[in-house]
Amino acid sequence: MLELKPNCECCDRDLPPESTDARICTYECTFCADCVEDHLKGVCPNCGGNFAPRPIRPAHMLAKNPASTTRHHAPEGCGQGDAA
């Protein structure tokens, strides 16, 4: 099951479970669409893979399987050091 991380690892923007702006790689590294396009150019800085839109967990399933509250923020890995 996806962890549904709560923020962009690059700019620290909030990405709630219902966000359509969240992007993930195969290892579930999580970034916002703006950082993926503008800073990362579609390549995950952690694994070198590509990104896909993060699926949205239905609200009725969040009670049973809530999103993570652990924030991951590593602006030094956001391309040329130009995190938003």
C-alpha atoms as a PDB file:
ATOM      1  CA  MET A   1       0.000   0.000   0.000  1.00  0.00           C
ATOM      2  CA  LEU A   2       1.270   3.480  -0.827  1.00  0.00           C
ATOM      3  CA  GLU A   3       2.538   5.551   2.077  1.00  0.00           C
ATOM      4  CA  LEU A   4       0.924   8.805   0.817  1.00  0.00           C
ATOM      5  CA  LYS A   5       3.619  11.177   2.071  1.00  0.00           C
ATOM      6  CA  PRO A   6       2.253  14.584   3.132  1.00  0.00           C
ATOM      7  CA  ASN A   7       4.620  16.946   1.332  1.00  0.00           C
ATOM      8  CA  CYS A   8       6.938  17.640  -1.584  1.00  0.00           C
ATOM      9  CA  GLU A   9      10.479  16.505  -0.799  1.00  0.00           C
ATOM     10  CA  CYS A  10      11.837  19.481  -2.758  1.00  0.00           C
ATOM     11  CA  CYS A  11       9.809  22.587  -1.770  1.00  0.00           C
ATOM     12  CA  ASP A  12       7.981  21.151   1.288  1.00  0.00           C
ATOM     13  CA  ARG A  13       4.580  22.060  -0.177  1.00  0.00           C
ATOM     14  CA  ASP A  14       1.678  20.258   1.476  1.00  0.00           C
ATOM     15  CA  LEU A  15       0.317  17.378  -0.616  1.00  0.00           C
ATOM     16  CA  PRO A  16      -2.788  16.068   1.139  1.00  0.00           C
ATOM     17  CA  PRO A  17      -4.103  12.625   0.168  1.00  0.00           C
ATOM     18  CA  GLU A  18      -6.620  14.129  -2.261  1.00  0.00           C
ATOM     19  CA  SER A  19      -4.029  16.264  -4.090  1.00  0.00           C
ATOM     20  CA  THR A  20      -3.901  15.893  -7.854  1.00  0.00           C
ATOM     21  CA  ASP A  21      -0.507  17.669  -7.876  1.00  0.00           C
ATOM     22  CA  ALA A  22       1.415  14.859  -6.136  1.00  0.00           C
ATOM     23  CA  ARG A  23       3.896  12.862  -8.216  1.00  0.00           C
ATOM     24  CA  ILE A  24       5.688   9.676  -7.133  1.00  0.00           C
ATOM     25  CA  CYS A  25       8.468   7.479  -8.465  1.00  0.00           C
ATOM     26  CA  THR A  26       8.661   3.714  -8.160  1.00  0.00           C
ATOM     27  CA  TYR A  27      10.099   4.085  -4.619  1.00  0.00           C
ATOM     28  CA  GLU A  28       7.296   6.466  -3.593  1.00  0.00           C
ATOM     29  CA  CYS A  29       9.557   9.511  -3.455  1.00  0.00           C
ATOM     30  CA  THR A  30       6.989  12.298  -3.464  1.00  0.00           C
ATOM     31  CA  PHE A  31       7.164  15.679  -5.173  1.00  0.00           C
ATOM     32  CA  CYS A  32       4.712  18.304  -6.386  1.00  0.00           C
ATOM     33  CA  ALA A  33       4.031  18.621 -10.111  1.00  0.00           C
ATOM     34  CA  ASP A  34       5.753  22.033 -10.248  1.00  0.00           C
ATOM     35  CA  CYS A  35       9.033  20.723  -8.804  1.00  0.00           C
ATOM     36  CA  VAL A  36       8.947  17.630 -11.019  1.00  0.00           C
ATOM     37  CA  GLU A  37       8.583  19.796 -14.120  1.00  0.00           C
ATOM     38  CA  ASP A  38      10.625  22.896 -13.206  1.00  0.00           C
ATOM     39  CA  HIS A  39      13.464  21.591 -11.028  1.00  0.00           C
ATOM     40  CA  LEU A  40      13.737  17.856 -11.568  1.00  0.00           C
ATOM     41  CA  LYS A  41      12.880  17.730 -15.285  1.00  0.00           C
ATOM     42  CA  GLY A  42      10.909  14.526 -14.746  1.00  0.00           C
ATOM     43  CA  VAL A  43      13.762  12.541 -13.150  1.00  0.00           C
ATOM     44  CA  CYS A  44      13.762  11.460  -9.497  1.00  0.00           C
ATOM     45  CA  PRO A  45      16.918  12.777  -7.769  1.00  0.00           C
ATOM     46  CA  ASN A  46      16.918   9.789  -5.422  1.00  0.00           C
ATOM     47  CA  CYS A  47      16.670   6.845  -7.812  1.00  0.00           C
ATOM     48  CA  GLY A  48      16.886   8.278 -11.341  1.00  0.00           C
ATOM     49  CA  GLY A  49      13.431   6.974 -12.258  1.00  0.00           C
ATOM     50  CA  ASN A  50      10.476   8.773 -13.750  1.00  0.00           C
ATOM     51  CA  PHE A  51       7.315  10.047 -12.066  1.00  0.00           C
ATOM     52  CA  ALA A  52       3.608   9.268 -12.274  1.00  0.00           C
ATOM     53  CA  PRO A  53       0.621  10.989 -10.711  1.00  0.00           C
ATOM     54  CA  ARG A  54       0.040   9.655  -7.201  1.00  0.00           C
ATOM     55  CA  PRO A  55      -3.260   7.775  -6.957  1.00  0.00           C
ATOM     56  CA  ILE A  56      -5.917   9.287  -4.723  1.00  0.00           C
ATOM     57  CA  ARG A  57      -7.062   7.020  -1.907  1.00  0.00           C
ATOM     58  CA  PRO A  58     -10.849   7.197  -1.536  1.00  0.00           C
ATOM     59  CA  ALA A  59     -11.882   9.217   1.517  1.00  0.00           C
ATOM     60  CA  HIS A  60     -13.755   6.297   3.057  1.00  0.00           C
ATOM     61  CA  MET A  61     -10.532   4.238   2.984  1.00  0.00           C
ATOM     62  CA  LEU A  62      -8.411   6.927   4.671  1.00  0.00           C
ATOM     63  CA  ALA A  63     -10.018   6.169   8.030  1.00  0.00           C
ATOM     64  CA  LYS A  64      -8.819   2.570   7.831  1.00  0.00           C
ATOM     65  CA  ASN A  65      -5.504   3.333   6.079  1.00  0.00           C
ATOM     66  CA  PRO A  66      -4.538   6.960   6.815  1.00  0.00           C
ATOM     67  CA  ALA A  67      -1.907   8.937   4.977  1.00  0.00           C
ATOM     68  CA  SER A  68       1.531   9.306   6.501  1.00  0.00           C
ATOM     69  CA  THR A  69       2.287  12.336   8.684  1.00  0.00           C
ATOM     70  CA  THR A  70       6.071  11.956   8.396  1.00  0.00           C
ATOM     71  CA  ARG A  71       7.483  14.776   6.316  1.00  0.00           C
ATOM     72  CA  HIS A  72      10.457  14.227   3.999  1.00  0.00           C
ATOM     73  CA  HIS A  73      12.248  17.403   2.920  1.00  0.00           C
ATOM     74  CA  ALA A  74      15.587  17.405   1.107  1.00  0.00           C
ATOM     75  CA  PRO A  75      15.917  20.645  -0.888  1.00  0.00           C
ATOM     76  CA  GLU A  76      19.585  19.930  -1.629  1.00  0.00           C
ATOM     77  CA  GLY A  77      18.451  17.185  -4.028  1.00  0.00           C
ATOM     78  CA  CYS A  78      16.181  19.425  -6.094  1.00  0.00           C
ATOM     79  CA  GLY A  79      18.175  19.799  -9.264  1.00  0.00           C
ATOM     80  CA  GLN A  80      20.679  22.640  -9.399  1.00  0.00           C
ATOM     81  CA  GLY A  81      20.131  23.702  -5.789  1.00  0.00           C
ATOM     82  CA  ASP A  82      17.271  25.927  -6.842  1.00  0.00           C
ATOM     83  CA  ALA A  83      14.449  24.555  -4.709  1.00  0.00           C
ATOM     84  CA  ALA A  84      11.313  26.665  -4.798  1.00  0.00           C
END
